[in-house]
Amino acid sequence: MSFYKPVEWLAERLGQEGLVVVDARYALNDSEAGSRAYAEGHIPGAYYLSLSHDLSGPKRPGGEGGRHPLPEPAALAAVLGRIGIDRSTTVIAYDDQGGAMASRLRWLLQWTGHDADVYVLEGGFAAWLAAGYEVSKETPAEAAGVVYEPQVQEGMLVSRAEVLERLGQPGTVLIDSREAPRYRGEVEPLDPAAGHIPGAINRFWAEGKRADGSWKSPTEQAERFAGISQDDEIIVYCGSGVTATPNVFALQDAGFRNVKLYAGSWSDWSSDKGNPVAVGDQQETRSV
């Protein structure tokens, strides 16, 4: 079953009871760009959720938890209830960042025990526009009486300390989801240090998509992760726990079941100067 749906699928179901549409557009270099874009036009009936304001918690001193710490489950539940999502609601999310922001919402719903389907819209808002479908500037009213009851799935996460404990251990695979130059430490535009967690392999999250922007099939995803055992524990990270989530789902689509997110990711890891850092492709290690 595909959890990526084309715009035609949504157009046929728009306004149906039990379906909530979420606009998750967001620019990392401008935290208000997504809300401005939403105000200028969005899919009719869609609610807006911001990565920094709704899908993340407050930043912590010293960078602990990374640039986009996970929200407290109760706070997230309050946000979800206000837009009509309970654990039985079907949700489809979209963005204009290749599906990364929408995938963050999908992962958060999975983490808090959501029982119904959560989809990511193929091609995002741009595909909706290209298909000639209607857009709206109207903000839907908040839902009344809807309660989201989180049931946190702790096994989906690992902490910085748990990653440190697993370095070099057989049976654990670390996957860095960032672009290769950041993985190799050639550039670092956002975080305290350049490089990657020692032993991590690089699988850029956007390579889970085809040239036309559609998501690859489970067979194609499995090819991306060839050589990794289905028995391994797989820990996925990125810069701040957002673009890692498409890789989490790609691994799940490929049949891997022991897949965990290091939510703080590189921004959390590199905030501690005592943590080891590798650069290049040869696992050269230095301190942060």
Protein backbone atom coordinates (compact mmCIF):
# COMPACT_ATOMS: atom_id res chain seq x y z
CA MET A 1 0.00 0.00 0.00
CA SER A 2 1.44 3.36 -1.05
CA PHE A 3 1.45 6.20 1.45
CA TYR A 4 2.14 8.73 -1.31
CA LYS A 5 -0.99 9.86 -3.10
CA PRO A 6 -1.34 11.84 -6.35
CA VAL A 7 -3.25 15.11 -6.52
CA GLU A 8 -6.10 13.39 -8.36
CA TRP A 9 -6.67 11.17 -5.33
CA LEU A 10 -7.01 14.19 -3.07
CA ALA A 11 -9.16 16.16 -5.52
CA GLU A 12 -11.70 13.33 -5.58
CA ARG A 13 -11.91 13.23 -1.77
CA LEU A 14 -11.56 16.87 -0.82
CA GLY A 15 -14.11 17.83 1.84
CA GLN A 16 -14.93 14.27 2.84
CA GLU A 17 -15.68 13.65 6.51
CA GLY A 18 -12.83 11.99 8.34
CA LEU A 19 -10.12 13.45 6.07
CA VAL A 20 -7.88 16.34 7.18
CA VAL A 21 -5.51 18.12 4.79
CA VAL A 22 -2.39 19.76 6.24
CA ASP A 23 -0.21 22.36 4.55
CA ALA A 24 3.30 21.96 5.97
CA ARG A 25 5.28 24.30 3.72
CA TYR A 26 8.34 25.74 5.45
CA ALA A 27 11.68 27.31 4.56
CA LEU A 28 14.62 26.62 6.87
CA ASN A 29 16.06 30.08 6.18
CA ASP A 30 12.76 31.90 6.82
CA SER A 31 10.47 30.43 9.47
CA GLU A 32 7.50 32.54 8.35
CA ALA A 33 7.76 31.81 4.62
CA GLY A 34 5.41 28.84 4.83
CA SER A 35 2.67 30.72 6.64
CA ARG A 36 2.94 33.56 4.11
CA ALA A 37 2.67 31.10 1.24
CA TYR A 38 -0.36 29.51 2.90
CA ALA A 39 -2.05 32.92 3.21
CA GLU A 40 -1.43 33.59 -0.47
CA GLY A 41 -3.13 30.36 -1.48
CA HIS A 42 -3.53 26.77 -0.36
CA ILE A 43 -5.54 23.63 -1.06
CA PRO A 44 -9.15 24.36 -0.05
CA GLY A 45 -9.87 23.26 3.51
CA ALA A 46 -6.20 22.72 4.39
CA TYR A 47 -4.90 23.73 7.80
CA TYR A 48 -1.40 25.13 8.19
CA LEU A 49 1.14 23.61 10.57
CA SER A 50 4.60 25.16 10.92
CA LEU A 51 7.71 23.06 11.42
CA SER A 52 9.12 25.45 14.03
CA HIS A 53 5.90 26.47 15.79
CA ASP A 54 3.76 23.31 15.65
CA LEU A 55 5.89 20.31 14.66
CA SER A 56 8.84 21.10 16.94
CA GLY A 57 9.31 21.98 20.58
CA PRO A 58 11.19 24.99 21.98
CA LYS A 59 14.92 25.08 21.38
CA ARG A 60 17.00 24.10 24.39
CA PRO A 61 20.12 25.68 25.88
CA GLY A 62 23.39 24.61 24.29
CA GLY A 63 21.71 23.05 21.27
CA GLU A 64 20.55 19.94 23.12
CA GLY A 65 17.84 18.24 21.08
CA GLY A 66 18.97 19.96 17.90
CA ARG A 67 17.53 22.76 15.81
CA HIS A 68 14.05 21.23 15.73
CA PRO A 69 13.50 19.31 18.99
CA LEU A 70 10.52 16.99 19.05
CA PRO A 71 7.40 18.62 20.47
CA GLU A 72 6.04 17.43 23.77
CA PRO A 73 3.32 14.87 22.94
CA ALA A 74 0.67 16.79 24.88
CA ALA A 75 1.47 20.02 23.04
CA LEU A 76 1.36 18.26 19.69
CA ALA A 77 -1.91 16.58 20.64
CA ALA A 78 -3.47 19.97 21.39
CA VAL A 79 -2.44 21.26 17.96
CA LEU A 80 -3.79 18.17 16.22
CA GLY A 81 -7.10 18.31 18.04
CA ARG A 82 -7.61 21.94 17.05
CA ILE A 83 -7.44 21.02 13.37
CA GLY A 84 -9.74 18.04 13.68
CA ILE A 85 -7.30 15.16 13.93
CA ASP A 86 -7.90 12.32 16.33
CA ARG A 87 -6.20 8.93 16.10
CA SER A 88 -8.81 7.64 13.64
CA THR A 89 -8.59 10.56 11.18
CA THR A 90 -7.13 10.05 7.73
CA VAL A 91 -4.51 12.73 7.09
CA ILE A 92 -2.80 13.91 3.92
CA ALA A 93 0.01 16.46 4.17
CA TYR A 94 1.85 18.46 1.56
CA ASP A 95 4.67 20.96 1.27
CA ASP A 96 6.89 22.41 -1.42
CA GLN A 97 10.12 20.97 -0.01
CA GLY A 98 10.00 17.61 -1.75
CA GLY A 99 7.84 16.03 0.93
CA ALA A 100 10.29 16.40 3.82
CA MET A 101 8.07 18.61 5.99
CA ALA A 102 5.00 16.51 5.27
CA SER A 103 7.01 13.42 6.20
CA ARG A 104 7.92 15.00 9.53
CA LEU A 105 4.21 15.28 10.33
CA ARG A 106 3.61 11.72 9.19
CA TRP A 107 6.43 10.51 11.44
CA LEU A 108 5.10 12.49 14.44
CA LEU A 109 1.68 10.94 13.98
CA GLN A 110 3.22 7.47 13.81
CA TRP A 111 5.31 8.23 16.90
CA THR A 112 2.22 9.27 18.87
CA GLY A 113 0.25 6.17 17.97
CA HIS A 114 -2.01 7.42 15.17
CA ASP A 115 -4.12 4.49 14.00
CA ALA A 116 -5.41 5.63 10.59
CA ASP A 117 -3.62 6.28 7.31
CA VAL A 118 -1.36 9.28 6.85
CA TYR A 119 -0.36 10.20 3.31
CA VAL A 120 2.11 12.57 1.69
CA LEU A 121 0.88 14.34 -1.44
CA GLU A 122 2.99 13.49 -4.50
CA GLY A 123 4.54 16.63 -5.94
CA GLY A 124 3.24 18.84 -3.13
CA PHE A 125 1.47 22.13 -3.70
CA ALA A 126 3.27 22.68 -7.00
CA ALA A 127 1.68 19.53 -8.43
CA TRP A 128 -1.75 20.70 -7.24
CA LEU A 129 -1.26 24.01 -9.06
CA ALA A 130 0.11 22.32 -12.18
CA ALA A 131 -3.00 20.15 -12.37
CA GLY A 132 -5.15 23.28 -12.43
CA TYR A 133 -7.05 22.60 -9.23
CA GLU A 134 -8.69 25.32 -7.17
CA VAL A 135 -6.82 27.15 -4.43
CA SER A 136 -8.19 29.10 -1.50
CA LYS A 137 -7.15 31.92 0.82
CA GLU A 138 -9.73 31.02 3.43
CA THR A 139 -8.54 29.63 6.75
CA PRO A 140 -10.84 26.86 8.00
CA ALA A 141 -12.33 27.17 11.47
CA GLU A 142 -10.77 25.27 14.33
CA ALA A 143 -12.43 21.96 15.07
CA ALA A 144 -14.59 21.70 18.18
CA GLY A 145 -14.53 18.79 20.56
CA VAL A 146 -11.83 16.77 18.83
CA VAL A 147 -9.30 15.16 21.14
CA TYR A 148 -6.08 13.54 20.03
CA GLU A 149 -4.89 11.03 22.62
CA PRO A 150 -1.16 10.37 22.11
CA GLN A 151 0.25 6.94 22.75
CA VAL A 152 3.98 7.47 22.35
CA GLN A 153 5.98 4.73 20.61
CA GLU A 154 9.29 5.10 22.43
CA GLY A 155 10.95 2.36 20.36
CA MET A 156 10.96 4.62 17.31
CA LEU A 157 13.63 6.91 18.81
CA VAL A 158 17.22 6.84 19.97
CA SER A 159 18.97 9.51 22.01
CA ARG A 160 22.44 11.01 21.60
CA ALA A 161 23.72 8.81 24.43
CA GLU A 162 22.29 5.70 22.78
CA VAL A 163 23.95 6.57 19.47
CA LEU A 164 27.25 7.06 21.27
CA GLU A 165 26.90 3.66 22.92
CA ARG A 166 26.34 1.99 19.54
CA LEU A 167 29.32 3.47 17.68
CA GLY A 168 31.28 0.65 16.11
CA GLN A 169 28.94 -2.01 17.40
CA PRO A 170 28.03 -4.85 15.00
CA GLY A 171 24.37 -5.10 14.11
CA THR A 172 23.75 -1.34 14.06
CA VAL A 173 23.83 0.77 10.89
CA LEU A 174 23.89 4.58 10.99
CA ILE A 175 22.46 6.37 7.95
CA ASP A 176 23.17 10.06 7.34
CA SER A 177 20.39 11.53 5.17
CA ARG A 178 22.06 14.83 4.23
CA GLU A 179 23.63 15.75 0.91
CA ALA A 180 27.10 14.30 0.30
CA PRO A 181 29.09 17.56 0.72
CA ARG A 182 27.64 18.07 4.19
CA TYR A 183 28.20 14.41 5.06
CA ARG A 184 31.84 14.69 3.98
CA GLY A 185 32.28 17.89 5.99
CA GLU A 186 33.09 20.06 2.97
CA VAL A 187 30.37 22.56 3.87
CA GLU A 188 28.18 23.18 6.90
CA PRO A 189 25.74 26.07 6.58
CA LEU A 190 23.65 25.44 9.70
CA ASP A 191 25.32 23.51 12.50
CA PRO A 192 28.30 23.99 14.89
CA ALA A 193 30.68 21.59 13.12
CA ALA A 194 31.10 19.95 9.72
CA GLY A 195 31.24 16.22 9.11
CA HIS A 196 29.24 13.17 10.17
CA ILE A 197 28.89 10.64 12.97
CA PRO A 198 31.75 8.11 12.70
CA GLY A 199 30.73 4.94 10.92
CA ALA A 200 27.63 6.43 9.29
CA ILE A 201 26.92 5.76 5.64
CA ASN A 202 25.44 8.43 3.38
CA ARG A 203 22.05 7.97 1.71
CA PHE A 204 20.75 11.39 0.67
CA TRP A 205 17.02 11.43 1.38
CA ALA A 206 16.04 13.01 -1.96
CA GLU A 207 17.50 10.02 -3.80
CA GLY A 208 14.37 8.22 -2.65
CA LYS A 209 12.57 10.08 -5.44
CA ARG A 210 12.66 9.68 -9.20
CA ALA A 211 13.71 12.44 -11.61
CA ASP A 212 10.06 13.47 -12.05
CA GLY A 213 9.67 13.98 -8.29
CA SER A 214 7.60 10.86 -7.63
CA TRP A 215 8.62 8.50 -4.84
CA LYS A 216 10.42 5.31 -5.76
CA SER A 217 8.78 1.92 -5.40
CA PRO A 218 9.60 -0.43 -2.51
CA THR A 219 11.85 -2.42 -4.87
CA GLU A 220 13.70 0.73 -5.91
CA GLN A 221 14.05 1.81 -2.30
CA ALA A 222 15.49 -1.59 -1.41
CA GLU A 223 18.16 -1.07 -4.07
CA ARG A 224 19.23 2.15 -2.33
CA PHE A 225 19.88 0.21 0.87
CA ALA A 226 21.42 -2.91 -0.68
CA GLY A 227 23.95 -4.55 1.59
CA ILE A 228 22.14 -3.69 4.82
CA SER A 229 20.74 -6.72 6.62
CA GLN A 230 17.07 -6.86 7.52
CA ASP A 231 18.28 -8.02 10.95
CA ASP A 232 20.25 -4.83 11.60
CA GLU A 233 19.12 -2.00 13.84
CA ILE A 234 19.08 1.04 11.56
CA ILE A 235 19.45 4.53 13.01
CA VAL A 236 18.63 7.39 10.64
CA TYR A 237 19.61 11.02 11.11
CA CYS A 238 19.99 14.24 9.13
CA GLY A 239 20.60 17.83 10.19
CA SER A 240 17.71 18.29 12.62
CA GLY A 241 15.48 15.21 12.40
CA VAL A 242 13.30 16.40 9.50
CA THR A 243 14.74 15.16 6.19
CA ALA A 244 15.68 11.89 7.88
CA THR A 245 11.99 10.98 8.05
CA PRO A 246 11.58 10.30 4.29
CA ASN A 247 14.47 7.85 4.63
CA VAL A 248 12.77 6.20 7.60
CA PHE A 249 9.71 5.60 5.44
CA ALA A 250 11.81 4.53 2.45
CA LEU A 251 13.45 1.88 4.65
CA GLN A 252 10.05 0.76 5.92
CA ASP A 253 8.78 0.55 2.34
CA ALA A 254 11.83 -1.57 1.51
CA GLY A 255 10.89 -4.05 4.24
CA PHE A 256 13.14 -2.96 7.11
CA ARG A 257 11.37 -3.08 10.45
CA ASN A 258 13.99 -2.13 13.05
CA VAL A 259 14.32 1.48 11.94
CA LYS A 260 14.81 4.30 14.45
CA LEU A 261 15.19 8.06 14.23
CA TYR A 262 17.91 10.02 15.99
CA ALA A 263 15.65 13.06 16.24
CA GLY A 264 18.29 15.54 17.40
CA SER A 265 20.48 14.46 14.49
CA TRP A 266 23.66 16.27 13.49
CA SER A 267 22.62 19.57 15.08
CA ASP A 268 22.34 17.82 18.43
CA TRP A 269 25.45 15.66 17.98
CA SER A 270 27.70 18.53 16.91
CA SER A 271 26.54 20.74 19.79
CA ASP A 272 28.59 18.55 22.17
CA LYS A 273 32.29 19.22 21.62
CA GLY A 274 33.15 15.90 23.23
CA ASN A 275 31.53 13.86 20.48
CA PRO A 276 33.72 12.35 17.74
CA VAL A 277 33.28 13.58 14.17
CA ALA A 278 34.28 11.95 10.88
CA VAL A 279 35.03 13.79 7.66
CA GLY A 280 35.44 12.72 4.05
CA ASP A 281 34.55 9.28 2.77
CA GLN A 282 37.37 7.47 4.58
CA GLN A 283 36.01 7.86 8.12
CA GLU A 284 38.81 10.20 9.22
CA THR A 285 37.89 11.06 12.80
CA ARG A 286 38.46 14.20 14.82
CA SER A 287 36.78 15.95 17.72
CA VAL A 288 33.95 18.45 17.32
